[in-house]
Structures are given as structure tokens and as C-alpha cells.
C-alpha atoms as a PDB file:
ATOM      1  CA  MET A   1       0.000   0.000   0.000  1.00  0.00           C
ATOM      2  CA  LYS A   2       1.586   3.274  -1.100  1.00  0.00           C
ATOM      3  CA  PRO A   3       1.669   6.232   1.294  1.00  0.00           C
ATOM      4  CA  LEU A   4      -0.826   9.031   0.789  1.00  0.00           C
ATOM      5  CA  ASN A   5       0.458  12.235  -0.732  1.00  0.00           C
ATOM      6  CA  SER A   6      -0.859  15.636   0.322  1.00  0.00           C
ATOM      7  CA  LYS A   7      -3.548  15.581  -2.375  1.00  0.00           C
ATOM      8  CA  ASP A   8      -4.782  12.152  -1.312  1.00  0.00           C
ATOM      9  CA  GLU A   9      -4.846  13.219   2.332  1.00  0.00           C
ATOM     10  CA  LYS A  10      -6.875  16.289   1.429  1.00  0.00           C
ATOM     11  CA  ASN A  11      -9.417  14.230  -0.519  1.00  0.00           C
ATOM     12  CA  THR A  12      -9.645  11.670   2.289  1.00  0.00           C
ATOM     13  CA  SER A  13     -10.300  14.440   4.787  1.00  0.00           C
ATOM     14  CA  LYS A  14     -13.091  15.850   2.614  1.00  0.00           C
ATOM     15  CA  ASN A  15     -14.699  12.435   2.189  1.00  0.00           C
ATOM     16  CA  THR A  16     -14.800  11.683   5.906  1.00  0.00           C
ATOM     17  CA  SER A  17     -18.425  11.671   6.980  1.00  0.00           C
ATOM     18  CA  PHE A  18     -19.728  13.293  10.129  1.00  0.00           C
ATOM     19  CA  ILE A  19     -20.631   9.895  11.592  1.00  0.00           C
ATOM     20  CA  THR A  20     -17.119   8.557  10.935  1.00  0.00           C
ATOM     21  CA  SER A  21     -15.535  11.633  12.518  1.00  0.00           C
ATOM     22  CA  PHE A  22     -17.828  11.233  15.510  1.00  0.00           C
ATOM     23  CA  GLN A  23     -16.832   7.589  15.863  1.00  0.00           C
ATOM     24  CA  TYR A  24     -13.132   8.489  15.768  1.00  0.00           C
ATOM     25  CA  ALA A  25     -13.728  11.123  18.452  1.00  0.00           C
ATOM     26  CA  MET A  26     -15.482   8.569  20.662  1.00  0.00           C
ATOM     27  CA  ASP A  27     -12.554   6.193  20.098  1.00  0.00           C
ATOM     28  CA  GLY A  28     -10.301   8.898  21.518  1.00  0.00           C
ATOM     29  CA  ILE A  29     -12.487   9.288  24.606  1.00  0.00           C
ATOM     30  CA  ILE A  30     -12.637   5.543  25.217  1.00  0.00           C
ATOM     31  CA  HIS A  31      -8.883   5.171  24.646  1.00  0.00           C
ATOM     32  CA  SER A  32      -8.295   7.830  27.297  1.00  0.00           C
ATOM     33  CA  PHE A  33     -10.585   5.955  29.657  1.00  0.00           C
ATOM     34  CA  LYS A  34      -8.829   2.632  29.095  1.00  0.00           C
ATOM     35  CA  SER A  35      -5.246   3.887  29.182  1.00  0.00           C
ATOM     36  CA  GLU A  36      -5.277   6.797  31.634  1.00  0.00           C
ATOM     37  CA  ARG A  37      -5.958   6.155  35.315  1.00  0.00           C
ATOM     38  CA  ASN A  38      -6.519   9.861  35.992  1.00  0.00           C
ATOM     39  CA  PHE A  39      -9.176  10.019  33.283  1.00  0.00           C
ATOM     40  CA  ARG A  40     -10.981   7.024  34.817  1.00  0.00           C
ATOM     41  CA  THR A  41     -10.878   8.810  38.164  1.00  0.00           C
ATOM     42  CA  ASP A  42     -12.325  11.919  36.531  1.00  0.00           C
ATOM     43  CA  ILE A  43     -15.179   9.890  35.024  1.00  0.00           C
ATOM     44  CA  LEU A  44     -15.925   8.332  38.411  1.00  0.00           C
ATOM     45  CA  MET A  45     -15.950  11.755  40.047  1.00  0.00           C
ATOM     46  CA  THR A  46     -18.245  13.010  37.276  1.00  0.00           C
ATOM     47  CA  ILE A  47     -20.757  10.268  38.041  1.00  0.00           C
ATOM     48  CA  LEU A  48     -20.585  10.986  41.783  1.00  0.00           C
ATOM     49  CA  VAL A  49     -20.995  14.737  41.290  1.00  0.00           C
ATOM     50  CA  LEU A  50     -23.977  14.261  38.971  1.00  0.00           C
ATOM     51  CA  LEU A  51     -25.592  11.948  41.506  1.00  0.00           C
ATOM     52  CA  ALA A  52     -24.875  14.465  44.278  1.00  0.00           C
ATOM     53  CA  SER A  53     -26.432  17.254  42.213  1.00  0.00           C
ATOM     54  CA  LEU A  54     -29.724  15.341  42.374  1.00  0.00           C
ATOM     55  CA  MET A  55     -29.928  16.312  46.034  1.00  0.00           C
ATOM     56  CA  PHE A  56     -29.971  20.045  45.309  1.00  0.00           C
ATOM     57  CA  ASP A  57     -32.270  22.361  43.413  1.00  0.00           C
ATOM     58  CA  LEU A  58     -29.660  23.763  41.036  1.00  0.00           C
ATOM     59  CA  SER A  59     -30.747  26.522  38.680  1.00  0.00           C
ATOM     60  CA  ARG A  60     -30.109  26.291  34.951  1.00  0.00           C
ATOM     61  CA  VAL A  61     -27.154  28.652  35.214  1.00  0.00           C
ATOM     62  CA  GLU A  62     -25.661  26.628  38.067  1.00  0.00           C
ATOM     63  CA  MET A  63     -26.198  23.368  36.179  1.00  0.00           C
ATOM     64  CA  ALA A  64     -24.521  24.934  33.125  1.00  0.00           C
ATOM     65  CA  CYS A  65     -21.536  25.985  35.264  1.00  0.00           C
ATOM     66  CA  LEU A  66     -21.283  22.450  36.638  1.00  0.00           C
ATOM     67  CA  CYS A  67     -21.394  20.862  33.161  1.00  0.00           C
ATOM     68  CA  ILE A  68     -18.835  23.327  31.766  1.00  0.00           C
ATOM     69  CA  THR A  69     -16.504  22.623  34.701  1.00  0.00           C
ATOM     70  CA  ILE A  70     -16.793  18.853  34.229  1.00  0.00           C
ATOM     71  CA  THR A  71     -16.206  19.150  30.482  1.00  0.00           C
ATOM     72  CA  PHE A  72     -13.266  21.494  31.048  1.00  0.00           C
ATOM     73  CA  ILE A  73     -11.389  19.092  33.324  1.00  0.00           C
ATOM     74  CA  LEU A  74     -12.064  16.089  31.056  1.00  0.00           C
ATOM     75  CA  MET A  75     -10.840  18.051  28.023  1.00  0.00           C
ATOM     76  CA  ALA A  76      -7.696  19.152  29.874  1.00  0.00           C
ATOM     77  CA  GLU A  77      -6.948  15.530  30.792  1.00  0.00           C
ATOM     78  CA  MET A  78      -7.407  14.381  27.194  1.00  0.00           C
ATOM     79  CA  ILE A  79      -5.298  17.209  25.757  1.00  0.00           C
ATOM     80  CA  ASN A  80      -2.547  16.330  28.208  1.00  0.00           C
ATOM     81  CA  THR A  81      -2.749  12.696  27.073  1.00  0.00           C
ATOM     82  CA  ALA A  82      -2.498  13.799  23.430  1.00  0.00           C
ATOM     83  CA  ILE A  83       0.529  15.986  24.187  1.00  0.00           C
ATOM     84  CA  GLU A  84       2.288  13.103  25.945  1.00  0.00           C
ATOM     85  CA  ALA A  85       1.574  10.740  23.031  1.00  0.00           C
ATOM     86  CA  VAL A  86       2.969  13.186  20.444  1.00  0.00           C
ATOM     87  CA  VAL A  87       6.051  13.962  22.539  1.00  0.00           C
ATOM     88  CA  ASP A  88       6.775  10.255  23.054  1.00  0.00           C
ATOM     89  CA  LEU A  89       6.360   9.685  19.312  1.00  0.00           C
ATOM     90  CA  ILE A  90       8.810  12.424  18.363  1.00  0.00           C
ATOM     91  CA  CYS A  91      11.392  12.046  21.137  1.00  0.00           C
ATOM     92  CA  ASP A  92      12.972   8.675  21.810  1.00  0.00           C
ATOM     93  CA  LYS A  93      15.351  10.050  24.458  1.00  0.00           C
ATOM     94  CA  TYR A  94      15.339  12.701  27.163  1.00  0.00           C
ATOM     95  CA  ASP A  95      14.855  16.227  25.849  1.00  0.00           C
ATOM     96  CA  ASN A  96      14.294  19.354  27.951  1.00  0.00           C
ATOM     97  CA  ASN A  97      11.710  20.736  25.508  1.00  0.00           C
ATOM     98  CA  ALA A  98       9.791  17.468  25.716  1.00  0.00           C
ATOM     99  CA  LYS A  99       9.810  17.756  29.495  1.00  0.00           C
ATOM    100  CA  ILE A 100       8.503  21.317  29.267  1.00  0.00           C
ATOM    101  CA  ALA A 101       5.673  20.228  26.965  1.00  0.00           C
ATOM    102  CA  LYS A 102       4.610  17.453  29.349  1.00  0.00           C
ATOM    103  CA  ASP A 103       4.924  19.693  32.405  1.00  0.00           C
ATOM    104  CA  VAL A 104       2.810  22.423  30.816  1.00  0.00           C
ATOM    105  CA  GLY A 105       0.145  19.875  29.887  1.00  0.00           C
ATOM    106  CA  ALA A 106       0.102  18.530  33.441  1.00  0.00           C
ATOM    107  CA  GLY A 107      -0.094  22.110  34.736  1.00  0.00           C
ATOM    108  CA  ALA A 108      -3.195  22.713  32.612  1.00  0.00           C
ATOM    109  CA  VAL A 109      -4.862  19.689  34.200  1.00  0.00           C
ATOM    110  CA  LEU A 110      -3.917  20.958  37.668  1.00  0.00           C
ATOM    111  CA  LEU A 111      -5.479  24.375  36.963  1.00  0.00           C
ATOM    112  CA  ALA A 112      -8.654  22.672  35.731  1.00  0.00           C
ATOM    113  CA  ALA A 113      -8.747  20.618  38.936  1.00  0.00           C
ATOM    114  CA  PHE A 114      -8.361  23.725  41.116  1.00  0.00           C
ATOM    115  CA  ASN A 115     -11.119  25.421  39.134  1.00  0.00           C
ATOM    116  CA  SER A 116     -13.442  22.460  39.742  1.00  0.00           C
ATOM    117  CA  ILE A 117     -12.797  22.733  43.497  1.00  0.00           C
ATOM    118  CA  PHE A 118     -13.725  26.430  43.496  1.00  0.00           C
ATOM    119  CA  VAL A 119     -16.866  25.838  41.437  1.00  0.00           C
ATOM    120  CA  GLY A 120     -17.888  22.941  43.679  1.00  0.00           C
ATOM    121  CA  TYR A 121     -17.419  25.123  46.741  1.00  0.00           C
ATOM    122  CA  PHE A 122     -19.572  27.951  45.369  1.00  0.00           C
ATOM    123  CA  LEU A 123     -22.301  25.582  44.171  1.00  0.00           C
ATOM    124  CA  PHE A 124     -22.572  23.112  47.030  1.00  0.00           C
ATOM    125  CA  TYR A 125     -21.170  24.504  50.287  1.00  0.00           C
ATOM    126  CA  ASP A 126     -24.193  26.593  51.308  1.00  0.00           C
ATOM    127  CA  ARG A 127     -26.471  23.720  50.355  1.00  0.00           C
ATOM    128  CA  ILE A 128     -24.573  20.944  52.134  1.00  0.00           C
ATOM    129  CA  VAL A 129     -24.287  22.716  55.490  1.00  0.00           C
ATOM    130  CA  PRO A 130     -28.041  23.205  56.094  1.00  0.00           C
ATOM    131  CA  LEU A 131     -28.960  19.831  54.535  1.00  0.00           C
ATOM    132  CA  THR A 132     -32.441  18.740  55.685  1.00  0.00           C
ATOM    133  CA  HIS A 133     -35.328  16.485  54.743  1.00  0.00           C
ATOM    134  CA  THR A 134     -36.544  19.061  52.200  1.00  0.00           C
ATOM    135  CA  VAL A 135     -33.970  17.617  49.779  1.00  0.00           C
ATOM    136  CA  VAL A 136     -36.323  14.718  49.096  1.00  0.00           C
ATOM    137  CA  ILE A 137     -39.166  17.056  48.194  1.00  0.00           C
ATOM    138  CA  LYS A 138     -36.925  18.957  45.798  1.00  0.00           C
ATOM    139  CA  LEU A 139     -35.973  15.725  44.072  1.00  0.00           C
ATOM    140  CA  GLN A 140     -39.566  14.711  43.591  1.00  0.00           C
ATOM    141  CA  ASN A 141     -40.355  18.073  42.031  1.00  0.00           C
ATOM    142  CA  SER A 142     -37.539  18.094  39.465  1.00  0.00           C
ATOM    143  CA  PRO A 143     -38.319  15.439  36.803  1.00  0.00           C
ATOM    144  CA  THR A 144     -36.398  17.360  34.122  1.00  0.00           C
ATOM    145  CA  HIS A 145     -33.210  17.291  36.191  1.00  0.00           C
ATOM    146  CA  LEU A 146     -33.725  13.612  37.005  1.00  0.00           C
ATOM    147  CA  THR A 147     -34.244  12.750  33.338  1.00  0.00           C
ATOM    148  CA  PHE A 148     -31.089  14.611  32.319  1.00  0.00           C
ATOM    149  CA  ILE A 149     -28.989  12.828  34.965  1.00  0.00           C
ATOM    150  CA  ALA A 150     -30.468   9.399  34.148  1.00  0.00           C
ATOM    151  CA  LEU A 151     -29.656   9.704  30.433  1.00  0.00           C
ATOM    152  CA  ILE A 152     -26.105  10.890  31.128  1.00  0.00           C
ATOM    153  CA  LEU A 153     -25.523   7.975  33.510  1.00  0.00           C
ATOM    154  CA  VAL A 154     -26.842   5.485  30.936  1.00  0.00           C
ATOM    155  CA  VAL A 155     -24.468   6.828  28.293  1.00  0.00           C
ATOM    156  CA  LEU A 156     -21.488   6.746  30.692  1.00  0.00           C
ATOM    157  CA  ILE A 157     -22.261   3.201  31.884  1.00  0.00           C
ATOM    158  CA  THR A 158     -22.605   2.014  28.283  1.00  0.00           C
ATOM    159  CA  LEU A 159     -19.299   3.583  27.251  1.00  0.00           C
ATOM    160  CA  VAL A 160     -17.532   2.067  30.275  1.00  0.00           C
ATOM    161  CA  LEU A 161     -18.833  -1.416  29.415  1.00  0.00           C
ATOM    162  CA  LYS A 162     -17.909  -0.976  25.749  1.00  0.00           C
ATOM    163  CA  SER A 163     -14.366   0.029  26.690  1.00  0.00           C
ATOM    164  CA  PHE A 164     -13.846  -2.949  29.013  1.00  0.00           C
ATOM    165  CA  ILE A 165     -15.461  -5.515  26.705  1.00  0.00           C
ATOM    166  CA  TYR A 166     -14.155  -4.421  23.281  1.00  0.00           C
ATOM    167  CA  GLN A 167     -15.013  -6.873  20.509  1.00  0.00           C
ATOM    168  CA  ASN A 168     -12.548  -5.847  17.800  1.00  0.00           C
ATOM    169  CA  LYS A 169     -14.962  -3.766  15.740  1.00  0.00           C
ATOM    170  CA  TRP A 170     -13.813  -0.928  13.489  1.00  0.00           C
ATOM    171  CA  THR A 171     -14.717   1.591  16.162  1.00  0.00           C
ATOM    172  CA  TYR A 172     -16.085   1.353  19.686  1.00  0.00           C
ATOM    173  CA  LEU A 173     -19.484   2.659  18.576  1.00  0.00           C
ATOM    174  CA  GLN A 174     -20.029   0.007  15.923  1.00  0.00           C
ATOM    175  CA  GLY A 175     -21.529  -2.918  17.758  1.00  0.00           C
ATOM    176  CA  GLY A 176     -19.858  -3.823  20.992  1.00  0.00           C
ATOM    177  CA  SER A 177     -20.783  -5.678  24.133  1.00  0.00           C
ATOM    178  CA  VAL A 178     -23.746  -3.393  24.929  1.00  0.00           C
ATOM    179  CA  SER A 179     -26.243  -1.707  22.630  1.00  0.00           C
ATOM    180  CA  GLY A 180     -26.113   1.996  23.450  1.00  0.00           C
ATOM    181  CA  HIS A 181     -29.194   2.682  21.332  1.00  0.00           C
ATOM    182  CA  SER A 182     -31.158   0.112  23.348  1.00  0.00           C
ATOM    183  CA  SER A 183     -29.965   1.400  26.721  1.00  0.00           C
ATOM    184  CA  VAL A 184     -30.832   5.028  25.926  1.00  0.00           C
ATOM    185  CA  SER A 185     -34.174   4.241  24.252  1.00  0.00           C
ATOM    186  CA  PHE A 186     -35.366   1.949  27.062  1.00  0.00           C
ATOM    187  CA  CYS A 187     -34.183   4.425  29.680  1.00  0.00           C
ATOM    188  CA  ALA A 188     -36.206   7.173  27.972  1.00  0.00           C
ATOM    189  CA  ALA A 189     -39.217   4.860  27.583  1.00  0.00           C
ATOM    190  CA  THR A 190     -39.125   3.910  31.267  1.00  0.00           C
ATOM    191  CA  ILE A 191     -38.897   7.565  32.317  1.00  0.00           C
ATOM    192  CA  ILE A 192     -41.879   8.421  30.104  1.00  0.00           C
ATOM    193  CA  ALA A 193     -43.835   5.534  31.621  1.00  0.00           C
ATOM    194  CA  LEU A 194     -43.013   6.609  35.187  1.00  0.00           C
ATOM    195  CA  LEU A 195     -43.898  10.257  34.596  1.00  0.00           C
ATOM    196  CA  ALA A 196     -46.966   9.753  32.405  1.00  0.00           C
ATOM    197  CA  ASN A 197     -48.622   7.098  34.611  1.00  0.00           C
ATOM    198  CA  ASN A 198     -50.791   6.197  31.622  1.00  0.00           C
ATOM    199  CA  THR A 199     -51.118   2.687  30.180  1.00  0.00           C
ATOM    200  CA  LEU A 200     -51.378   3.768  26.539  1.00  0.00           C
ATOM    201  CA  VAL A 201     -48.377   6.121  26.773  1.00  0.00           C
ATOM    202  CA  THR A 202     -46.371   3.396  28.511  1.00  0.00           C
ATOM    203  CA  ILE A 203     -47.155   0.836  25.814  1.00  0.00           C
ATOM    204  CA  LEU A 204     -46.333   3.260  22.985  1.00  0.00           C
ATOM    205  CA  SER A 205     -43.039   4.400  24.535  1.00  0.00           C
ATOM    206  CA  LEU A 206     -41.891   0.825  25.185  1.00  0.00           C
ATOM    207  CA  PHE A 207     -42.950  -0.170  21.673  1.00  0.00           C
ATOM    208  CA  ILE A 208     -40.792   2.593  20.169  1.00  0.00           C
ATOM    209  CA  ALA A 209     -37.855   1.468  22.329  1.00  0.00           C
ATOM    210  CA  PHE A 210     -38.450  -2.105  21.156  1.00  0.00           C
ATOM    211  CA  LEU A 211     -38.349  -0.965  17.506  1.00  0.00           C
ATOM    212  CA  VAL A 212     -35.009   0.775  18.120  1.00  0.00           C
ATOM    213  CA  ALA A 213     -33.572  -2.369  19.707  1.00  0.00           C
ATOM    214  CA  GLU A 214     -34.977  -4.582  16.960  1.00  0.00           C
ATOM    215  CA  SER A 215     -33.377  -2.409  14.279  1.00  0.00           C
ATOM    216  CA  ARG A 216     -29.947  -2.981  15.862  1.00  0.00           C
ATOM    217  CA  VAL A 217     -30.418  -6.741  15.660  1.00  0.00           C
ATOM    218  CA  GLU A 218     -31.963  -6.577  12.172  1.00  0.00           C
ATOM    219  CA  GLY A 219     -29.006  -4.524  10.933  1.00  0.00           C
ATOM    220  CA  LYS A 220     -26.607  -7.135  12.392  1.00  0.00           C
ATOM    221  CA  ILE A 221     -24.957  -4.430  14.477  1.00  0.00           C
ATOM    222  CA  HIS A 222     -25.735  -6.169  17.777  1.00  0.00           C
ATOM    223  CA  THR A 223     -26.750  -9.616  18.884  1.00  0.00           C
ATOM    224  CA  LEU A 224     -29.988 -10.250  20.759  1.00  0.00           C
ATOM    225  CA  SER A 225     -28.141 -10.640  24.067  1.00  0.00           C
ATOM    226  CA  GLN A 226     -26.308  -7.313  23.607  1.00  0.00           C
ATOM    227  CA  VAL A 227     -29.608  -5.549  22.964  1.00  0.00           C
ATOM    228  CA  ILE A 228     -31.182  -7.177  26.029  1.00  0.00           C
ATOM    229  CA  VAL A 229     -28.256  -6.103  28.236  1.00  0.00           C
ATOM    230  CA  GLY A 230     -28.622  -2.530  26.945  1.00  0.00           C
ATOM    231  CA  ALA A 231     -32.360  -2.563  27.658  1.00  0.00           C
ATOM    232  CA  ILE A 232     -31.805  -3.842  31.197  1.00  0.00           C
ATOM    233  CA  ILE A 233     -29.220  -1.131  31.894  1.00  0.00           C
ATOM    234  CA  GLY A 234     -31.567   1.581  30.621  1.00  0.00           C
ATOM    235  CA  ILE A 235     -34.580   0.346  32.573  1.00  0.00           C
ATOM    236  CA  LEU A 236     -32.701  -0.215  35.843  1.00  0.00           C
ATOM    237  CA  THR A 237     -31.004   3.193  35.665  1.00  0.00           C
ATOM    238  CA  ALA A 238     -34.327   4.973  35.161  1.00  0.00           C
ATOM    239  CA  ILE A 239     -35.956   3.058  38.013  1.00  0.00           C
ATOM    240  CA  LEU A 240     -32.951   3.701  40.267  1.00  0.00           C
ATOM    241  CA  ILE A 241     -33.078   7.450  39.673  1.00  0.00           C
ATOM    242  CA  PHE A 242     -36.870   7.915  39.705  1.00  0.00           C
ATOM    243  CA  ARG A 243     -37.951   5.413  42.335  1.00  0.00           C
ATOM    244  CA  ILE A 244     -35.205   4.249  44.693  1.00  0.00           C
ATOM    245  CA  ILE A 245     -33.203   7.479  45.119  1.00  0.00           C
ATOM    246  CA  ILE A 246     -36.213   9.706  45.799  1.00  0.00           C
ATOM    247  CA  ILE A 247     -37.801   7.407  48.400  1.00  0.00           C
END
């Protein structure tokens, strides 16, 4: 296979579809999760913080600040990983400039971590100190917040399982040990059923989720067992958030 010249590379770049680019980007996220212990710690902290946020009546602006802070620290960790990979590729022996590049990348992660501590203090301190039984009432009256958290948790759980049980597909999003489409669709269907409390709406929402899962099997993207596992994850996550946590 001959190497690509600049013209070929340009044409290849133009022909890359949005879906393919998205899949490559997700590969980068999952690679960071599998290879970087700090990134796995960040993901775990993200899940814990999102669960903790369920206990407080955060405004939209506060929720936006929290999401931006989480994204910022995850991006800093990934950029630092990319810098280290490029430096290791270029330099096969000790070089002071390589050390500077790695140190600056690590410094960026440290600043992001300090920023997350400050944001967490401003958002949660005044709420944690006077914590009372009214937290439960706030949870029960915030279905939008609960839905948002449940869907994020389903996506994170699915990605974690895909990264640990990788089945040698072209990308992590093509197939895999768990059907992400099934987990998200059944999570959404279960939330609709719990909120609507209507038999017809419940049947229709579950039927739509079933069609999504069936299409993954029909398209030979997932096996029946992978779709079932995804559905179970979605349903259990929704029930956990909407029934067990708020009791």
C-alpha cells in the first residue's frame, strides 16, 4: 500500500463523513478511559458529582456551570494525554523541551482541577451545610433534572462497558458488548412511563424502544443478548433514579 500524498490526504479528509468523525472522536475518549488512570478517576468523580447534584435544586445557570466545569477538566486531561503521546512519538530520548511540553500539559490539568474545586465550593457549600429532609421534596419536584442525569448515567455506563469488553470492531461505537441505542431508548421509555402514569403512553413508549432495539439486531450491528443487556441497563437506571433514590 503506497503512502498518501498531500492531495490524497486532502481528498480523504473531505470524504470523511460526520458519523465517521464522531466515531473516531469517541474512540479517543474511550482510549483515554482505558489507558489513563486519571481520566478514569475523573469519570468516576463526574458520576458521583452528577448523583450528588440530584440532592440540590440547582438553577439552569448553576447546572450549566457544573457541566462546563466537568467538560473542562475532562478536556484538559485528554489534551494532556495527546501531548504526551505526540512527545513520546517524536522524542525517543530525554529532551528538555519534551519535558517542558509534558509539564505544561500537566499544569493545565492541575489548573482545571483547582477550578473544579472552586466551582464545587460555590455551588454546594451553602447547600450541604443546612442539609435537611426538604432535599427529598426537591428531588420529587424536578423530573427534568432527574431525566437529564439518568440519560447521562446510561451513556457513561454504556461507554464504560464498551471500553472494558471491546469486541474488535472498526470503532467502539459500531456494535460492541452493549447496545447503546437500546440502553438510551429503554431508559427514555421507562422515564416516560413513570412520569406519564398512563397505560397507553407506557405501551407506545416501550414499543418505540423495542423498535429501536430490533433495528440494531436486524441490521446485524448487535446480537440479541447485547440488545437485552442494553435494555436492562436503561430500565434499571431509570428506576434507580426515579424510584429508589427519591424514596
